[in-house]
């Protein structure tokens, strides 16, 4: 016979809350942030494929 256990699971509504419209970033804002980062000397490293993660066979 099964015994009842209390669940310690957290309901999804307490973990995830949909962002408000004011919190969403627009394409233009993202472009401006990226441009400012690059003008300040920031460099984005572009990584290639990782052979270890490729399926063999």
N, C-alpha and C. Protein backbone atom coordinates (compact mmCIF):
# COMPACT_ATOMS: atom_id res chain seq x y z
N UNK A 1 0.84 -1.18 0.00
CA UNK A 1 0.00 0.00 0.00
C UNK A 1 0.89 1.25 0.00
N UNK A 2 0.51 2.23 -0.77
CA UNK A 2 1.31 3.45 -0.90
C UNK A 2 1.09 4.35 0.31
N UNK A 3 2.17 5.01 0.68
CA UNK A 3 2.06 5.98 1.77
C UNK A 3 2.05 7.39 1.19
N UNK A 4 1.37 8.28 1.82
CA UNK A 4 1.30 9.65 1.37
C UNK A 4 2.54 10.40 1.83
N UNK A 5 3.13 11.15 0.91
CA UNK A 5 4.29 11.98 1.25
C UNK A 5 3.96 13.42 0.91
N UNK A 6 4.53 14.31 1.65
CA UNK A 6 4.34 15.72 1.31
C UNK A 6 5.31 16.07 0.19
N UNK A 7 4.83 16.78 -0.77
CA UNK A 7 5.64 17.16 -1.90
C UNK A 7 6.35 18.48 -1.60
N UNK A 8 7.62 18.54 -1.95
CA UNK A 8 8.37 19.78 -1.77
C UNK A 8 8.52 20.52 -3.09
N UNK A 9 7.75 20.09 -4.07
CA UNK A 9 7.81 20.73 -5.38
C UNK A 9 7.21 22.13 -5.28
N UNK A 10 7.81 23.05 -6.01
CA UNK A 10 7.35 24.43 -6.03
C UNK A 10 6.46 24.62 -7.25
N UNK A 11 5.27 25.16 -7.07
CA UNK A 11 4.40 25.37 -8.23
C UNK A 11 5.05 26.32 -9.24
N UNK A 12 4.89 26.07 -10.54
CA UNK A 12 5.53 26.89 -11.56
C UNK A 12 5.19 28.37 -11.46
N UNK A 13 4.00 28.70 -10.99
CA UNK A 13 3.61 30.10 -10.93
C UNK A 13 4.46 30.90 -9.94
N UNK A 14 5.07 30.24 -8.96
CA UNK A 14 5.91 30.97 -8.01
C UNK A 14 7.34 31.12 -8.52
N UNK A 15 7.73 30.31 -9.48
CA UNK A 15 9.08 30.37 -10.02
C UNK A 15 9.15 31.30 -11.22
N UNK A 16 8.21 31.19 -12.11
CA UNK A 16 8.23 31.96 -13.35
C UNK A 16 7.09 32.96 -13.38
N UNK A 17 7.42 34.18 -13.63
CA UNK A 17 6.42 35.21 -13.81
C UNK A 17 6.70 35.85 -15.17
N UNK A 18 5.70 35.93 -16.01
CA UNK A 18 5.87 36.50 -17.34
C UNK A 18 6.32 37.95 -17.22
N UNK A 19 7.26 38.37 -18.06
CA UNK A 19 7.75 39.75 -17.98
C UNK A 19 6.68 40.75 -18.40
N UNK A 20 6.73 41.89 -17.76
CA UNK A 20 5.81 42.97 -18.15
C UNK A 20 6.32 43.58 -19.45
N UNK A 21 5.42 44.25 -20.13
CA UNK A 21 5.78 44.89 -21.40
C UNK A 21 6.95 45.85 -21.22
N UNK A 22 7.01 46.55 -20.10
CA UNK A 22 8.06 47.53 -19.87
C UNK A 22 9.42 46.86 -19.68
N UNK A 23 9.42 45.58 -19.35
CA UNK A 23 10.67 44.86 -19.10
C UNK A 23 11.24 44.23 -20.36
N UNK A 24 10.43 44.10 -21.39
CA UNK A 24 10.89 43.46 -22.61
C UNK A 24 11.86 44.39 -23.34
N UNK A 25 12.95 43.84 -23.85
CA UNK A 25 13.93 44.63 -24.58
C UNK A 25 13.59 44.57 -26.07
N UNK A 26 13.70 45.69 -26.72
CA UNK A 26 13.39 45.74 -28.15
C UNK A 26 14.65 45.48 -28.96
N UNK A 27 14.46 45.23 -30.21
CA UNK A 27 15.58 44.99 -31.11
C UNK A 27 16.51 46.20 -31.15
N UNK A 28 15.93 47.38 -31.17
CA UNK A 28 16.72 48.60 -31.23
C UNK A 28 17.54 48.80 -29.96
N UNK A 29 16.95 48.51 -28.80
CA UNK A 29 17.68 48.63 -27.53
C UNK A 29 18.84 47.66 -27.49
N UNK A 30 18.61 46.43 -27.93
CA UNK A 30 19.66 45.43 -27.94
C UNK A 30 20.79 45.85 -28.87
N UNK A 31 20.43 46.38 -30.04
CA UNK A 31 21.43 46.84 -31.00
C UNK A 31 22.26 47.98 -30.39
N UNK A 32 21.60 48.91 -29.71
CA UNK A 32 22.31 50.03 -29.08
C UNK A 32 23.25 49.56 -27.98
N UNK A 33 22.81 48.60 -27.16
CA UNK A 33 23.67 48.05 -26.11
C UNK A 33 24.90 47.38 -26.71
N UNK A 34 24.68 46.61 -27.75
CA UNK A 34 25.78 45.90 -28.41
C UNK A 34 26.76 46.87 -29.05
N UNK A 35 26.24 47.90 -29.69
CA UNK A 35 27.09 48.90 -30.32
C UNK A 35 27.92 49.65 -29.27
N UNK A 36 27.33 50.02 -28.15
CA UNK A 36 28.04 50.68 -27.07
C UNK A 36 29.13 49.79 -26.51
N UNK A 37 28.83 48.51 -26.33
CA UNK A 37 29.80 47.53 -25.84
C UNK A 37 31.00 47.44 -26.77
N UNK A 38 30.75 47.36 -28.06
CA UNK A 38 31.83 47.24 -29.04
C UNK A 38 32.64 48.53 -29.14
N UNK A 39 32.00 49.68 -29.04
CA UNK A 39 32.71 50.96 -29.08
C UNK A 39 33.60 51.15 -27.86
N UNK A 40 33.25 50.53 -26.75
CA UNK A 40 34.04 50.61 -25.52
C UNK A 40 35.20 49.62 -25.55
N UNK A 41 35.35 48.90 -26.65
CA UNK A 41 36.45 47.96 -26.77
C UNK A 41 36.08 46.52 -26.48
N UNK A 42 34.82 46.26 -26.23
CA UNK A 42 34.37 44.90 -25.96
C UNK A 42 34.42 44.05 -27.22
N UNK A 43 34.79 42.80 -27.04
CA UNK A 43 34.89 41.88 -28.17
C UNK A 43 34.05 40.65 -27.86
N UNK A 44 33.28 40.23 -28.82
CA UNK A 44 32.47 39.01 -28.67
C UNK A 44 33.24 37.87 -29.31
N UNK A 45 33.51 36.85 -28.51
CA UNK A 45 34.23 35.69 -29.02
C UNK A 45 33.25 34.75 -29.68
N UNK A 46 33.50 34.43 -30.92
CA UNK A 46 32.63 33.51 -31.65
C UNK A 46 33.26 32.13 -31.62
N UNK A 47 32.56 31.22 -31.01
CA UNK A 47 33.07 29.87 -30.84
C UNK A 47 32.66 29.00 -32.02
N UNK A 48 33.52 28.05 -32.35
CA UNK A 48 33.22 27.11 -33.42
C UNK A 48 32.51 25.89 -32.89
N UNK A 49 32.40 24.89 -33.73
CA UNK A 49 31.79 23.62 -33.32
C UNK A 49 32.71 22.89 -32.37
N UNK A 50 32.13 22.22 -31.41
CA UNK A 50 32.88 21.43 -30.45
C UNK A 50 32.80 19.98 -30.87
N UNK A 51 33.92 19.38 -31.35
CA UNK A 51 33.89 17.99 -31.80
C UNK A 51 33.42 17.02 -30.72
N UNK A 52 33.66 17.32 -29.46
CA UNK A 52 33.28 16.41 -28.39
C UNK A 52 31.77 16.26 -28.30
N UNK A 53 31.03 17.25 -28.77
CA UNK A 53 29.58 17.20 -28.67
C UNK A 53 28.90 16.63 -29.90
N UNK A 54 29.67 16.36 -30.95
CA UNK A 54 29.10 15.80 -32.17
C UNK A 54 28.85 14.31 -32.00
N UNK A 55 27.78 13.86 -32.58
CA UNK A 55 27.43 12.44 -32.52
C UNK A 55 28.32 11.65 -33.48
N UNK A 56 28.85 10.57 -32.99
CA UNK A 56 29.71 9.71 -33.82
C UNK A 56 28.88 8.51 -34.27
N UNK A 57 29.01 8.20 -35.53
CA UNK A 57 28.33 6.98 -35.97
C UNK A 57 27.37 7.24 -36.99
